[in-house]
């Protein structure tokens, strides 16, 4: 299962909403038999990286979105969270 986009309004940040949404995605995926959840985030999304790593995701790769991204050293980080008993 791929977590494609997740965003929380600035008014609700710092209240655990992102963690709860992330946990819900992992629970949803596990209940439906998925072996893992994958996602990608940019190198500038440091808060998101910490969130995902804190929820059990591990970085499994890095890419650049385009030749210009490569030239500018802009990277996309790819994450994976294996679900218990399903990996």
Protein backbone atom coordinates (compact mmCIF):
# COMPACT_ATOMS: atom_id res chain seq x y z
CA UNK A 1 0.00 0.00 0.00
CA UNK A 2 1.35 3.45 -0.85
CA UNK A 3 0.70 6.46 1.36
CA UNK A 4 0.66 9.09 -1.35
CA UNK A 5 -0.12 12.35 0.42
CA UNK A 6 -0.70 13.43 3.98
CA UNK A 7 -1.04 16.97 5.23
CA UNK A 8 -2.34 18.51 8.42
CA UNK A 9 -3.53 22.12 8.62
CA UNK A 10 -1.12 24.40 10.48
CA UNK A 11 -3.85 25.06 13.05
CA UNK A 12 -3.79 21.39 14.09
CA UNK A 13 -0.08 20.62 13.97
CA UNK A 14 1.62 19.56 17.18
CA UNK A 15 -1.51 17.79 18.46
CA UNK A 16 -0.66 14.25 17.36
CA UNK A 17 -2.91 14.30 14.30
CA UNK A 18 -0.14 13.18 11.92
CA UNK A 19 0.85 10.32 14.20
CA UNK A 20 -2.77 9.21 14.52
CA UNK A 21 -3.27 9.33 10.74
CA UNK A 22 -0.06 7.38 10.18
CA UNK A 23 -1.07 4.73 12.73
CA UNK A 24 -4.49 4.47 11.06
CA UNK A 25 -2.90 3.88 7.64
CA UNK A 26 -0.69 1.13 9.09
CA UNK A 27 -3.69 -0.45 10.84
CA UNK A 28 -5.82 -0.23 7.68
CA UNK A 29 -3.10 -1.85 5.58
CA UNK A 30 -2.45 -4.63 8.09
CA UNK A 31 -6.14 -5.45 8.46
CA UNK A 32 -6.42 -5.86 4.70
CA UNK A 33 -3.43 -8.14 4.33
CA UNK A 34 -0.86 -5.75 2.92
CA UNK A 35 2.73 -6.68 3.68
CA UNK A 36 4.07 -3.15 3.85
CA UNK A 37 3.30 0.53 3.48
CA UNK A 38 5.58 2.61 1.28
CA UNK A 39 5.87 6.37 0.82
CA UNK A 40 8.16 9.06 -0.50
CA UNK A 41 9.02 12.50 0.86
CA UNK A 42 11.42 15.22 -0.15
CA UNK A 43 14.71 15.98 1.53
CA UNK A 44 13.34 19.28 2.83
CA UNK A 45 10.49 17.61 4.74
CA UNK A 46 12.59 16.91 7.83
CA UNK A 47 9.60 16.91 10.20
CA UNK A 48 7.84 14.35 7.99
CA UNK A 49 10.98 12.18 7.92
CA UNK A 50 11.10 12.17 11.72
CA UNK A 51 7.39 11.32 11.88
CA UNK A 52 7.71 8.37 9.52
CA UNK A 53 10.88 7.04 11.15
CA UNK A 54 9.19 7.32 14.55
CA UNK A 55 6.30 5.20 13.25
CA UNK A 56 8.56 2.37 12.11
CA UNK A 57 9.35 3.37 8.54
CA UNK A 58 12.91 2.95 7.31
CA UNK A 59 14.55 4.73 4.42
CA UNK A 60 15.05 2.26 1.58
CA UNK A 61 16.19 4.49 -1.25
CA UNK A 62 16.89 7.92 -2.65
CA UNK A 63 16.14 9.38 -6.06
CA UNK A 64 16.02 12.70 -7.87
CA UNK A 65 12.75 13.84 -9.43
CA UNK A 66 14.40 15.08 -12.64
CA UNK A 67 17.74 15.88 -14.27
CA UNK A 68 17.42 19.39 -12.83
CA UNK A 69 16.81 17.85 -9.40
CA UNK A 70 20.01 15.84 -9.83
CA UNK A 71 21.91 18.97 -10.83
CA UNK A 72 20.56 20.84 -7.81
CA UNK A 73 21.20 17.86 -5.49
CA UNK A 74 17.49 17.71 -4.61
CA UNK A 75 16.52 14.26 -3.42
CA UNK A 76 13.38 12.27 -2.77
CA UNK A 77 13.63 9.75 0.08
CA UNK A 78 11.71 6.48 -0.19
CA UNK A 79 10.45 4.76 2.96
CA UNK A 80 8.96 1.37 3.78
CA UNK A 81 7.26 -0.02 6.87
CA UNK A 82 6.94 -3.80 6.89
CA UNK A 83 3.82 -4.93 8.69
CA UNK A 84 4.09 -7.64 11.37
CA UNK A 85 3.57 -11.14 10.04
CA UNK A 86 3.18 -9.91 6.48
CA UNK A 87 6.65 -8.90 5.21
